[in-house]
Amino acid sequence: MTNTNPRDPWRVPVPVAQIPESGLHREFEADQATREAMAEIAGLRNIPLASASFDMATKRGGRIHVTGRVRARIGQTCVVTLDPIENEIDEAIDLLFAPSGQIAGEKIPQLTDVVDPPVKPDAETPDPPEPIVNGVIDLGRLATDVLFLAIDPYPRKPDAVFEPYIEPAEPDDHPFAALKAMQDDAASAAPEKHPPRQPKSPSRGKTK
């Protein structure tokens, strides 16, 4: 599906009402125009490939469990050598979607829970559900978000390493050390200058 919105290029809307009780499987790829728009938004050289595979299962209370994978090949620039490189993205997805009204009614932590939370060292707080907007789950937008979050902001080639600047350990290694040495040699070779002699005053005879 081609989308005309340049800021939201990959759109694959799925109406929740059309998801059967047995579930729904969707696979799709982004076309060239969509990939070019996504690359421009993300600041990438290009996106040669972007695809997604999703399984949607209905749950109680109108909730939808979405699992799947997003795969892509993206063109970037090595931050060390500035050479063009390509990186692979393969991200798994496991999310729960719920009607917006249910999310608004989710229990909000109280101040006492934040100040003195219950001791449950092994328990993890589950992420809140994602909202179902206008009865639709947009799998393309979901795939775009996952792809963008997986981009390495500082890509570099496998063999590229930073070469930090090392301050010279000895003063003699300083770039101006040779110039200073030449100045010292010139000063030592110059003839020594003495102050001019003062003429002796004539001696005066003693008077008796």
N, C-alpha and C. Protein backbone atom coordinates (compact mmCIF):
# COMPACT_ATOMS: atom_id res chain seq x y z
N MET A 1 0.84 -1.19 0.00
CA MET A 1 0.00 0.00 0.00
C MET A 1 0.88 1.24 0.00
N THR A 2 0.61 2.17 -0.91
CA THR A 2 1.39 3.39 -1.02
C THR A 2 0.73 4.50 -0.22
N ASN A 3 1.51 5.19 0.57
CA ASN A 3 0.99 6.25 1.41
C ASN A 3 1.50 7.58 0.90
N THR A 4 0.65 8.60 0.89
CA THR A 4 1.03 9.92 0.38
C THR A 4 1.59 10.83 1.46
N ASN A 5 1.54 10.41 2.73
CA ASN A 5 2.07 11.23 3.81
C ASN A 5 3.57 11.05 3.89
N PRO A 6 4.39 12.10 3.58
CA PRO A 6 5.84 11.93 3.57
C PRO A 6 6.44 11.69 4.95
N ARG A 7 5.74 12.08 6.03
CA ARG A 7 6.27 11.89 7.37
C ARG A 7 5.83 10.57 7.98
N ASP A 8 4.99 9.84 7.30
CA ASP A 8 4.50 8.56 7.82
C ASP A 8 4.34 7.63 6.62
N PRO A 9 5.47 7.23 6.02
CA PRO A 9 5.40 6.60 4.69
C PRO A 9 4.91 5.16 4.65
N TRP A 10 5.16 4.38 5.70
CA TRP A 10 4.84 2.94 5.64
C TRP A 10 3.55 2.70 6.41
N ARG A 11 2.45 2.49 5.70
CA ARG A 11 1.16 2.33 6.35
C ARG A 11 0.53 1.00 5.90
N VAL A 12 0.19 0.17 6.88
CA VAL A 12 -0.54 -1.07 6.63
C VAL A 12 -1.61 -1.20 7.71
N PRO A 13 -2.71 -0.47 7.58
CA PRO A 13 -3.74 -0.49 8.62
C PRO A 13 -4.56 -1.78 8.59
N VAL A 14 -4.83 -2.29 9.79
CA VAL A 14 -5.65 -3.50 9.93
C VAL A 14 -6.80 -3.19 10.88
N PRO A 15 -8.05 -3.15 10.40
CA PRO A 15 -9.19 -2.94 11.31
C PRO A 15 -9.33 -4.11 12.27
N VAL A 16 -9.43 -3.79 13.55
CA VAL A 16 -9.53 -4.83 14.56
C VAL A 16 -10.77 -5.70 14.35
N ALA A 17 -11.84 -5.09 13.88
CA ALA A 17 -13.09 -5.83 13.67
C ALA A 17 -12.95 -6.92 12.61
N GLN A 18 -11.93 -6.82 11.76
CA GLN A 18 -11.74 -7.81 10.71
C GLN A 18 -10.78 -8.93 11.11
N ILE A 19 -10.29 -8.91 12.34
CA ILE A 19 -9.40 -9.98 12.80
C ILE A 19 -10.26 -11.13 13.30
N PRO A 20 -10.18 -12.31 12.67
CA PRO A 20 -11.01 -13.44 13.11
C PRO A 20 -10.54 -14.00 14.45
N GLU A 21 -11.40 -14.77 15.08
CA GLU A 21 -11.04 -15.37 16.37
C GLU A 21 -9.83 -16.30 16.25
N SER A 22 -9.66 -16.88 15.07
CA SER A 22 -8.52 -17.77 14.86
C SER A 22 -7.21 -17.01 14.67
N GLY A 23 -7.28 -15.68 14.56
CA GLY A 23 -6.08 -14.88 14.39
C GLY A 23 -5.85 -14.47 12.95
N LEU A 24 -4.87 -13.64 12.74
CA LEU A 24 -4.56 -13.11 11.41
C LEU A 24 -3.06 -13.04 11.23
N HIS A 25 -2.58 -13.48 10.06
CA HIS A 25 -1.15 -13.42 9.72
C HIS A 25 -0.98 -12.47 8.55
N ARG A 26 -0.03 -11.55 8.69
CA ARG A 26 0.25 -10.60 7.62
C ARG A 26 1.74 -10.51 7.37
N GLU A 27 2.13 -10.53 6.09
CA GLU A 27 3.51 -10.32 5.66
C GLU A 27 3.50 -9.26 4.57
N PHE A 28 4.46 -8.35 4.61
CA PHE A 28 4.49 -7.29 3.61
C PHE A 28 5.89 -6.69 3.52
N GLU A 29 6.17 -6.07 2.38
CA GLU A 29 7.44 -5.39 2.13
C GLU A 29 7.17 -3.94 1.76
N ALA A 30 8.13 -3.09 2.07
CA ALA A 30 8.04 -1.69 1.68
C ALA A 30 8.54 -1.52 0.26
N ASP A 31 7.78 -0.77 -0.56
CA ASP A 31 8.22 -0.54 -1.93
C ASP A 31 9.32 0.51 -1.96
N GLN A 32 9.86 0.75 -3.16
CA GLN A 32 11.01 1.65 -3.28
C GLN A 32 10.69 3.06 -2.81
N ALA A 33 9.55 3.60 -3.19
CA ALA A 33 9.19 4.97 -2.78
C ALA A 33 9.08 5.07 -1.26
N THR A 34 8.49 4.04 -0.65
CA THR A 34 8.36 4.03 0.82
C THR A 34 9.72 3.96 1.48
N ARG A 35 10.60 3.11 0.95
CA ARG A 35 11.94 2.97 1.54
C ARG A 35 12.73 4.27 1.41
N GLU A 36 12.60 4.95 0.28
CA GLU A 36 13.31 6.21 0.10
C GLU A 36 12.82 7.26 1.09
N ALA A 37 11.51 7.30 1.30
CA ALA A 37 10.96 8.26 2.26
C ALA A 37 11.41 7.93 3.67
N MET A 38 11.44 6.65 4.02
CA MET A 38 11.88 6.25 5.35
C MET A 38 13.36 6.59 5.56
N ALA A 39 14.18 6.37 4.52
CA ALA A 39 15.61 6.67 4.63
C ALA A 39 15.83 8.16 4.85
N GLU A 40 15.05 8.99 4.19
CA GLU A 40 15.20 10.44 4.37
C GLU A 40 14.82 10.86 5.78
N ILE A 41 13.75 10.28 6.31
CA ILE A 41 13.32 10.62 7.67
C ILE A 41 14.38 10.20 8.69
N ALA A 42 14.94 9.01 8.50
CA ALA A 42 15.89 8.46 9.47
C ALA A 42 17.31 8.96 9.27
N GLY A 43 17.57 9.72 8.20
CA GLY A 43 18.92 10.20 7.94
C GLY A 43 19.86 9.10 7.47
N LEU A 44 19.36 8.14 6.71
CA LEU A 44 20.16 7.04 6.19
C LEU A 44 20.52 7.28 4.73
N ARG A 45 21.58 6.63 4.28
CA ARG A 45 21.92 6.73 2.87
C ARG A 45 20.82 6.11 2.01
N ASN A 46 20.36 4.94 2.41
CA ASN A 46 19.27 4.28 1.71
C ASN A 46 18.77 3.10 2.55
N ILE A 47 17.67 2.51 2.12
CA ILE A 47 17.13 1.30 2.73
C ILE A 47 16.84 0.33 1.59
N PRO A 48 17.78 -0.53 1.25
CA PRO A 48 17.57 -1.44 0.12
C PRO A 48 16.46 -2.46 0.35
N LEU A 49 16.17 -2.77 1.63
CA LEU A 49 15.17 -3.81 1.91
C LEU A 49 14.51 -3.53 3.25
N ALA A 50 13.19 -3.71 3.30
CA ALA A 50 12.44 -3.59 4.56
C ALA A 50 11.19 -4.46 4.44
N SER A 51 11.06 -5.39 5.37
CA SER A 51 9.91 -6.29 5.35
C SER A 51 9.47 -6.59 6.78
N ALA A 52 8.26 -7.10 6.92
CA ALA A 52 7.72 -7.40 8.25
C ALA A 52 6.78 -8.58 8.15
N SER A 53 6.69 -9.30 9.26
CA SER A 53 5.80 -10.45 9.38
C SER A 53 5.14 -10.39 10.74
N PHE A 54 3.78 -10.44 10.77
CA PHE A 54 3.06 -10.29 12.03
C PHE A 54 1.99 -11.37 12.18
N ASP A 55 1.76 -11.73 13.43
CA ASP A 55 0.63 -12.57 13.81
C ASP A 55 -0.19 -11.80 14.83
N MET A 56 -1.50 -11.70 14.58
CA MET A 56 -2.40 -10.95 15.45
C MET A 56 -3.43 -11.91 16.03
N ALA A 57 -3.51 -11.95 17.37
CA ALA A 57 -4.44 -12.84 18.06
C ALA A 57 -5.36 -12.04 18.96
N THR A 58 -6.66 -12.35 18.92
CA THR A 58 -7.63 -11.64 19.75
C THR A 58 -7.57 -12.15 21.19
N LYS A 59 -7.75 -11.22 22.12
CA LYS A 59 -7.76 -11.54 23.54
C LYS A 59 -9.03 -10.99 24.18
N ARG A 60 -9.23 -11.32 25.44
CA ARG A 60 -10.41 -10.84 26.14
C ARG A 60 -10.39 -9.34 26.29
N GLY A 61 -11.56 -8.74 26.29
CA GLY A 61 -11.67 -7.31 26.47
C GLY A 61 -11.32 -6.51 25.24
N GLY A 62 -11.36 -7.13 24.08
CA GLY A 62 -11.05 -6.42 22.85
C GLY A 62 -9.57 -6.17 22.63
N ARG A 63 -8.73 -6.84 23.37
CA ARG A 63 -7.28 -6.65 23.22
C ARG A 63 -6.74 -7.54 22.11
N ILE A 64 -5.63 -7.10 21.53
CA ILE A 64 -4.99 -7.81 20.43
C ILE A 64 -3.52 -8.04 20.77
N HIS A 65 -3.11 -9.29 20.68
CA HIS A 65 -1.70 -9.64 20.91
C HIS A 65 -1.00 -9.71 19.56
N VAL A 66 0.04 -8.89 19.39
CA VAL A 66 0.76 -8.81 18.13
C VAL A 66 2.19 -9.30 18.33
N THR A 67 2.58 -10.30 17.55
CA THR A 67 3.96 -10.81 17.57
C THR A 67 4.48 -10.83 16.14
N GLY A 68 5.77 -10.81 15.99
CA GLY A 68 6.34 -10.88 14.64
C GLY A 68 7.77 -10.42 14.60
N ARG A 69 8.23 -10.10 13.38
CA ARG A 69 9.61 -9.67 13.17
C ARG A 69 9.65 -8.58 12.11
N VAL A 70 10.63 -7.71 12.25
CA VAL A 70 10.91 -6.69 11.25
C VAL A 70 12.34 -6.87 10.79
N ARG A 71 12.50 -6.98 9.47
CA ARG A 71 13.84 -7.16 8.90
C ARG A 71 14.11 -6.06 7.90
N ALA A 72 15.36 -5.60 7.88
CA ALA A 72 15.72 -4.53 6.96
C ALA A 72 17.22 -4.53 6.72
N ARG A 73 17.60 -3.97 5.58
CA ARG A 73 19.00 -3.69 5.29
C ARG A 73 19.11 -2.19 5.07
N ILE A 74 19.99 -1.54 5.82
CA ILE A 74 20.08 -0.08 5.77
C ILE A 74 21.49 0.36 5.39
N GLY A 75 21.56 1.43 4.61
CA GLY A 75 22.84 2.00 4.22
C GLY A 75 23.21 3.17 5.12
N GLN A 76 24.41 3.12 5.70
CA GLN A 76 24.87 4.15 6.59
C GLN A 76 26.28 4.58 6.23
N THR A 77 26.87 5.47 7.03
CA THR A 77 28.22 5.94 6.82
C THR A 77 29.04 5.68 8.08
N CYS A 78 30.18 5.03 7.92
CA CYS A 78 31.05 4.72 9.06
C CYS A 78 31.51 6.02 9.72
N VAL A 79 31.33 6.12 11.03
CA VAL A 79 31.70 7.34 11.74
C VAL A 79 33.22 7.49 11.88
N VAL A 80 33.97 6.43 11.61
CA VAL A 80 35.43 6.49 11.73
C VAL A 80 36.09 6.80 10.39
N THR A 81 35.74 6.01 9.36
CA THR A 81 36.39 6.15 8.05
C THR A 81 35.57 6.95 7.06
N LEU A 82 34.28 7.19 7.37
CA LEU A 82 33.35 7.88 6.47
C LEU A 82 33.07 7.08 5.21
N ASP A 83 33.35 5.77 5.25
CA ASP A 83 33.05 4.89 4.12
C ASP A 83 31.59 4.45 4.19
N PRO A 84 30.96 4.22 3.03
CA PRO A 84 29.59 3.69 3.05
C PRO A 84 29.56 2.25 3.53
N ILE A 85 28.61 1.92 4.39
CA ILE A 85 28.47 0.56 4.89
C ILE A 85 26.99 0.18 4.91
N GLU A 86 26.72 -1.10 5.05
CA GLU A 86 25.35 -1.59 5.17
C GLU A 86 25.23 -2.43 6.44
N ASN A 87 24.12 -2.28 7.13
CA ASN A 87 23.86 -3.04 8.35
C ASN A 87 22.52 -3.75 8.23
N GLU A 88 22.44 -4.91 8.87
CA GLU A 88 21.22 -5.70 8.87
C GLU A 88 20.45 -5.46 10.16
N ILE A 89 19.15 -5.40 10.05
CA ILE A 89 18.26 -5.26 11.21
C ILE A 89 17.31 -6.45 11.23
N ASP A 90 17.20 -7.07 12.38
CA ASP A 90 16.28 -8.21 12.56
C ASP A 90 15.76 -8.13 13.99
N GLU A 91 14.57 -7.55 14.16
CA GLU A 91 14.01 -7.28 15.47
C GLU A 91 12.71 -8.05 15.69
N ALA A 92 12.58 -8.65 16.88
CA ALA A 92 11.36 -9.36 17.24
C ALA A 92 10.38 -8.39 17.90
N ILE A 93 9.08 -8.69 17.75
CA ILE A 93 8.03 -7.84 18.31
C ILE A 93 7.08 -8.70 19.13
N ASP A 94 6.73 -8.21 20.30
CA ASP A 94 5.74 -8.88 21.15
C ASP A 94 5.02 -7.79 21.95
N LEU A 95 3.86 -7.37 21.44
CA LEU A 95 3.14 -6.25 22.03
C LEU A 95 1.66 -6.60 22.22
N LEU A 96 1.08 -5.90 23.17
CA LEU A 96 -0.34 -6.03 23.42
C LEU A 96 -1.01 -4.70 23.14
N PHE A 97 -2.07 -4.74 22.34
CA PHE A 97 -2.85 -3.55 22.02
C PHE A 97 -4.20 -3.62 22.72
N ALA A 98 -4.69 -2.47 23.15
CA ALA A 98 -5.97 -2.41 23.85
C ALA A 98 -6.71 -1.15 23.43
N PRO A 99 -8.05 -1.14 23.53
CA PRO A 99 -8.81 0.08 23.25
C PRO A 99 -8.32 1.23 24.12
N SER A 100 -8.36 2.43 23.56
CA SER A 100 -7.85 3.61 24.28
C SER A 100 -8.54 3.79 25.63
N GLY A 101 -9.85 3.49 25.71
CA GLY A 101 -10.56 3.64 26.97
C GLY A 101 -10.03 2.75 28.06
N GLN A 102 -9.60 1.56 27.70
CA GLN A 102 -9.03 0.66 28.70
C GLN A 102 -7.68 1.17 29.20
N ILE A 103 -6.88 1.72 28.29
CA ILE A 103 -5.57 2.23 28.69
C ILE A 103 -5.73 3.42 29.61
N ALA A 104 -6.72 4.29 29.31
CA ALA A 104 -6.96 5.44 30.17
C ALA A 104 -7.39 5.02 31.55
N GLY A 105 -8.04 3.86 31.65
CA GLY A 105 -8.51 3.39 32.94
C GLY A 105 -7.53 2.50 33.67
N GLU A 106 -6.31 2.33 33.09
CA GLU A 106 -5.30 1.51 33.77
C GLU A 106 -4.94 2.14 35.11
N LYS A 107 -4.60 1.31 36.08
CA LYS A 107 -4.25 1.80 37.40
C LYS A 107 -3.00 2.65 37.33
N ILE A 108 -3.08 3.88 37.84
CA ILE A 108 -1.94 4.79 37.89
C ILE A 108 -1.25 4.62 39.24
N PRO A 109 0.07 4.45 39.26
CA PRO A 109 0.77 4.28 40.53
C PRO A 109 0.53 5.47 41.46
N GLN A 110 0.26 5.17 42.74
CA GLN A 110 0.06 6.21 43.73
C GLN A 110 1.41 6.68 44.27
N LEU A 111 1.38 7.85 44.91
CA LEU A 111 2.62 8.41 45.43
C LEU A 111 3.27 7.48 46.44
N THR A 112 2.43 6.81 47.26
CA THR A 112 2.99 5.89 48.26
C THR A 112 3.66 4.70 47.60
N ASP A 113 3.15 4.30 46.42
CA ASP A 113 3.78 3.19 45.71
C ASP A 113 5.15 3.59 45.18
N VAL A 114 5.30 4.87 44.81
CA VAL A 114 6.58 5.33 44.27
C VAL A 114 7.60 5.53 45.38
N VAL A 115 7.14 6.13 46.52
CA VAL A 115 8.05 6.40 47.62
C VAL A 115 8.45 5.12 48.33
N ASP A 116 7.48 4.25 48.57
CA ASP A 116 7.73 3.01 49.30
C ASP A 116 7.14 1.84 48.52
N PRO A 117 7.78 1.46 47.39
CA PRO A 117 7.21 0.41 46.56
C PRO A 117 7.27 -0.95 47.26
N PRO A 118 6.36 -1.83 46.94
CA PRO A 118 6.40 -3.17 47.54
C PRO A 118 7.65 -3.92 47.11
N VAL A 119 8.17 -4.72 48.00
CA VAL A 119 9.41 -5.44 47.73
C VAL A 119 9.09 -6.69 46.92
N LYS A 120 9.44 -6.62 45.62
CA LYS A 120 9.27 -7.77 44.73
C LYS A 120 10.50 -7.82 43.83
N PRO A 121 11.61 -8.31 44.35
CA PRO A 121 12.86 -8.24 43.59
C PRO A 121 12.83 -9.01 42.30
N ASP A 122 12.06 -10.10 42.24
CA ASP A 122 12.06 -10.94 41.05
C ASP A 122 10.93 -10.60 40.09
N ALA A 123 10.06 -9.67 40.44
CA ALA A 123 8.92 -9.35 39.59
C ALA A 123 9.24 -8.14 38.73
N GLU A 124 8.81 -8.19 37.47
CA GLU A 124 9.00 -7.10 36.55
C GLU A 124 7.66 -6.48 36.21
N THR A 125 7.62 -5.16 36.17
CA THR A 125 6.39 -4.47 35.84
C THR A 125 6.14 -4.58 34.34
N PRO A 126 5.02 -5.15 33.92
CA PRO A 126 4.77 -5.29 32.48
C PRO A 126 4.53 -3.94 31.83
N ASP A 127 4.91 -3.84 30.57
CA ASP A 127 4.68 -2.61 29.83
C ASP A 127 3.18 -2.42 29.59
N PRO A 128 2.70 -1.19 29.64
CA PRO A 128 1.28 -0.95 29.39
C PRO A 128 0.95 -1.26 27.93
N PRO A 129 -0.32 -1.58 27.64
CA PRO A 129 -0.68 -1.88 26.25
C PRO A 129 -0.56 -0.66 25.36
N GLU A 130 -0.37 -0.92 24.08
CA GLU A 130 -0.39 0.14 23.08
C GLU A 130 -1.85 0.45 22.72
N PRO A 131 -2.15 1.70 22.38
CA PRO A 131 -3.55 2.03 22.09
C PRO A 131 -3.99 1.59 20.70
N ILE A 132 -5.23 1.14 20.61
CA ILE A 132 -5.87 0.89 19.32
C ILE A 132 -6.56 2.19 18.92
N VAL A 133 -6.09 2.81 17.86
CA VAL A 133 -6.56 4.14 17.46
C VAL A 133 -7.68 3.98 16.41
N ASN A 134 -8.85 4.47 16.75
CA ASN A 134 -10.00 4.43 15.83
C ASN A 134 -10.29 3.02 15.33
N GLY A 135 -10.09 2.05 16.20
CA GLY A 135 -10.40 0.67 15.83
C GLY A 135 -9.43 0.05 14.85
N VAL A 136 -8.23 0.65 14.70
CA VAL A 136 -7.26 0.18 13.70
C VAL A 136 -5.89 0.03 14.33
N ILE A 137 -5.18 -1.04 13.95
CA ILE A 137 -3.77 -1.21 14.31
C ILE A 137 -2.97 -1.09 13.02
N ASP A 138 -2.08 -0.11 12.97
CA ASP A 138 -1.29 0.13 11.77
C ASP A 138 0.03 -0.64 11.88
N LEU A 139 0.08 -1.78 11.19
CA LEU A 139 1.28 -2.62 11.28
C LEU A 139 2.47 -1.96 10.57
N GLY A 140 2.23 -1.17 9.55
CA GLY A 140 3.32 -0.48 8.87
C GLY A 140 3.98 0.55 9.76
N ARG A 141 3.17 1.30 10.46
CA ARG A 141 3.73 2.29 11.39
C ARG A 141 4.47 1.59 12.52
N LEU A 142 3.94 0.48 12.99
CA LEU A 142 4.61 -0.29 14.04
C LEU A 142 5.96 -0.79 13.54
N ALA A 143 6.01 -1.31 12.31
CA ALA A 143 7.26 -1.79 11.75
C ALA A 143 8.26 -0.65 11.58
N THR A 144 7.78 0.53 11.19
CA THR A 144 8.66 1.69 11.04
C THR A 144 9.28 2.08 12.38
N ASP A 145 8.46 2.12 13.43
CA ASP A 145 8.98 2.48 14.75
C ASP A 145 10.05 1.49 15.21
N VAL A 146 9.79 0.21 15.00
CA VAL A 146 10.76 -0.82 15.41
C VAL A 146 12.05 -0.67 14.62
N LEU A 147 11.94 -0.44 13.32
CA LEU A 147 13.13 -0.29 12.47
C LEU A 147 13.96 0.91 12.91
N PHE A 148 13.30 2.05 13.12
CA PHE A 148 14.04 3.26 13.50
C PHE A 148 14.73 3.11 14.85
N LEU A 149 14.07 2.44 15.80
CA LEU A 149 14.67 2.26 17.12
C LEU A 149 15.88 1.33 17.08
N ALA A 150 15.95 0.48 16.06
CA ALA A 150 17.05 -0.49 15.96
C ALA A 150 18.27 0.08 15.24
N ILE A 151 18.18 1.28 14.70
CA ILE A 151 19.30 1.87 13.96
C ILE A 151 20.43 2.26 14.91
N ASP A 152 21.63 1.85 14.57
CA ASP A 152 22.82 2.22 15.35
C ASP A 152 23.18 3.67 15.03
N PRO A 153 23.14 4.58 16.02
CA PRO A 153 23.44 5.98 15.72
C PRO A 153 24.92 6.24 15.44
N TYR A 154 25.80 5.29 15.78
CA TYR A 154 27.24 5.46 15.54
C TYR A 154 27.79 4.23 14.82
N PRO A 155 27.39 4.02 13.58
CA PRO A 155 27.83 2.81 12.88
C PRO A 155 29.30 2.91 12.47
N ARG A 156 29.96 1.78 12.44
CA ARG A 156 31.34 1.76 11.96
C ARG A 156 31.68 0.39 11.40
N LYS A 157 32.65 0.37 10.52
CA LYS A 157 33.09 -0.88 9.91
C LYS A 157 33.67 -1.79 10.98
N PRO A 158 33.59 -3.11 10.78
CA PRO A 158 34.09 -4.04 11.81
C PRO A 158 35.56 -3.83 12.15
N ASP A 159 36.38 -3.43 11.17
CA ASP A 159 37.82 -3.28 11.43
C ASP A 159 38.22 -1.83 11.70
N ALA A 160 37.25 -0.94 11.81
CA ALA A 160 37.58 0.47 12.04
C ALA A 160 37.71 0.74 13.53
N VAL A 161 38.80 1.40 13.91
CA VAL A 161 39.03 1.73 15.32
C VAL A 161 39.41 3.19 15.41
N PHE A 162 39.04 3.80 16.52
CA PHE A 162 39.42 5.17 16.77
C PHE A 162 40.90 5.23 17.17
N GLU A 163 41.62 6.22 16.65
CA GLU A 163 43.02 6.44 17.02
C GLU A 163 43.08 7.70 17.87
N PRO A 164 43.06 7.55 19.18
CA PRO A 164 43.08 8.75 20.03
C PRO A 164 44.41 9.48 19.95
N TYR A 165 44.36 10.79 20.10
CA TYR A 165 45.59 11.59 20.11
C TYR A 165 46.34 11.36 21.41
N ILE A 166 47.64 11.07 21.29
CA ILE A 166 48.48 10.80 22.45
C ILE A 166 49.41 11.99 22.66
N GLU A 167 49.35 12.60 23.82
CA GLU A 167 50.21 13.73 24.15
C GLU A 167 51.65 13.24 24.30
N PRO A 168 52.64 13.92 23.70
CA PRO A 168 54.04 13.49 23.85
C PRO A 168 54.43 13.38 25.31
N ALA A 169 55.11 12.29 25.64
CA ALA A 169 55.48 12.04 27.03
C ALA A 169 56.63 12.92 27.47
N GLU A 170 57.60 13.22 26.55
CA GLU A 170 58.78 14.00 26.91
C GLU A 170 58.72 15.35 26.22
N PRO A 171 59.24 16.38 26.87
CA PRO A 171 59.27 17.71 26.22
C PRO A 171 60.03 17.70 24.92
N ASP A 172 61.09 16.84 24.80
CA ASP A 172 61.89 16.81 23.58
C ASP A 172 61.08 16.32 22.39
N ASP A 173 59.95 15.63 22.65
CA ASP A 173 59.12 15.13 21.56
C ASP A 173 58.14 16.18 21.06
N HIS A 174 58.12 17.34 21.68
CA HIS A 174 57.16 18.37 21.28
C HIS A 174 57.50 18.87 19.88
N PRO A 175 56.50 19.22 19.04
CA PRO A 175 56.79 19.67 17.67
C PRO A 175 57.73 20.86 17.60
N PHE A 176 57.76 21.72 18.63
CA PHE A 176 58.62 22.89 18.60
C PHE A 176 59.96 22.64 19.28
N ALA A 177 60.22 21.39 19.67
CA ALA A 177 61.48 21.10 20.36
C ALA A 177 62.67 21.32 19.42
N ALA A 178 62.54 20.94 18.14
CA ALA A 178 63.65 21.11 17.20
C ALA A 178 63.96 22.59 16.99
N LEU A 179 62.91 23.41 16.89
CA LEU A 179 63.14 24.85 16.73
C LEU A 179 63.85 25.43 17.94
N LYS A 180 63.44 24.99 19.13
CA LYS A 180 64.08 25.49 20.34
C LYS A 180 65.55 25.07 20.38
N ALA A 181 65.84 23.83 19.93
CA ALA A 181 67.22 23.35 19.93
C ALA A 181 68.08 24.19 18.99
N MET A 182 67.53 24.55 17.81
CA MET A 182 68.28 25.37 16.86
C MET A 182 68.56 26.74 17.45
N GLN A 183 67.58 27.29 18.16
CA GLN A 183 67.80 28.60 18.78
C GLN A 183 68.89 28.51 19.85
N ASP A 184 68.87 27.41 20.62
CA ASP A 184 69.90 27.23 21.66
C ASP A 184 71.28 27.10 21.04
N ASP A 185 71.42 26.35 19.92
CA ASP A 185 72.71 26.18 19.25
C ASP A 185 73.22 27.51 18.72
N ALA A 186 72.30 28.29 18.13
CA ALA A 186 72.72 29.58 17.58
C ALA A 186 73.21 30.51 18.68
N ALA A 187 72.55 30.45 19.82
CA ALA A 187 72.95 31.31 20.93
C ALA A 187 74.31 30.92 21.48
N SER A 188 74.59 29.61 21.53
CA SER A 188 75.87 29.16 22.07
C SER A 188 77.02 29.43 21.10
N ALA A 189 76.73 29.45 19.78
CA ALA A 189 77.80 29.68 18.79
C ALA A 189 78.12 31.14 18.61
N ALA A 190 77.28 32.03 19.00
CA ALA A 190 77.51 33.48 18.82
C ALA A 190 78.66 33.92 19.73
N PRO A 191 79.54 34.83 19.26
CA PRO A 191 80.66 35.32 20.12
C PRO A 191 80.11 36.04 21.34
N GLU A 192 80.84 35.85 22.39
CA GLU A 192 80.39 36.45 23.64
C GLU A 192 80.62 37.95 23.61
N LYS A 193 79.66 38.69 23.95
CA LYS A 193 79.76 40.14 23.94
C LYS A 193 80.14 40.64 25.33
N HIS A 194 81.16 41.53 25.33
CA HIS A 194 81.60 42.11 26.58
C HIS A 194 81.27 43.60 26.59
N PRO A 195 81.03 44.17 27.70
CA PRO A 195 80.75 45.62 27.75
C PRO A 195 82.00 46.41 27.40
N PRO A 196 81.89 47.52 26.74
CA PRO A 196 83.08 48.32 26.34
C PRO A 196 83.86 48.78 27.57
N ARG A 197 85.21 48.78 27.37
CA ARG A 197 86.09 49.18 28.48
C ARG A 197 86.00 50.70 28.68
N GLN A 198 86.04 51.06 29.90
CA GLN A 198 86.06 52.47 30.23
C GLN A 198 87.52 52.96 30.29
N PRO A 199 87.85 54.06 29.64
CA PRO A 199 89.27 54.54 29.69
C PRO A 199 89.67 54.89 31.12
N LYS A 200 90.95 54.58 31.40
CA LYS A 200 91.45 54.86 32.73
C LYS A 200 91.70 56.36 32.86
N SER A 201 91.34 56.86 33.98
CA SER A 201 91.57 58.28 34.22
C SER A 201 93.04 58.50 34.56
N PRO A 202 93.67 59.60 34.06
CA PRO A 202 95.12 59.82 34.34
C PRO A 202 95.37 60.00 35.82
N SER A 203 96.52 59.42 36.21
CA SER A 203 96.85 59.50 37.65
C SER A 203 97.35 60.90 37.99
N ARG A 204 97.01 61.34 39.07
CA ARG A 204 97.40 62.66 39.49
C ARG A 204 98.55 62.56 40.51
N GLY A 205 99.50 63.45 40.38
CA GLY A 205 100.61 63.46 41.33
C GLY A 205 100.17 63.95 42.69
N LYS A 206 100.91 63.48 43.66
CA LYS A 206 100.60 63.89 45.02
C LYS A 206 101.23 65.25 45.28
N THR A 207 100.53 66.08 45.86
CA THR A 207 101.05 67.40 46.22
C THR A 207 101.51 67.37 47.67
N LYS A 208 102.59 68.01 47.83
CA LYS A 208 103.13 68.07 49.19
C LYS A 208 102.65 69.33 49.83
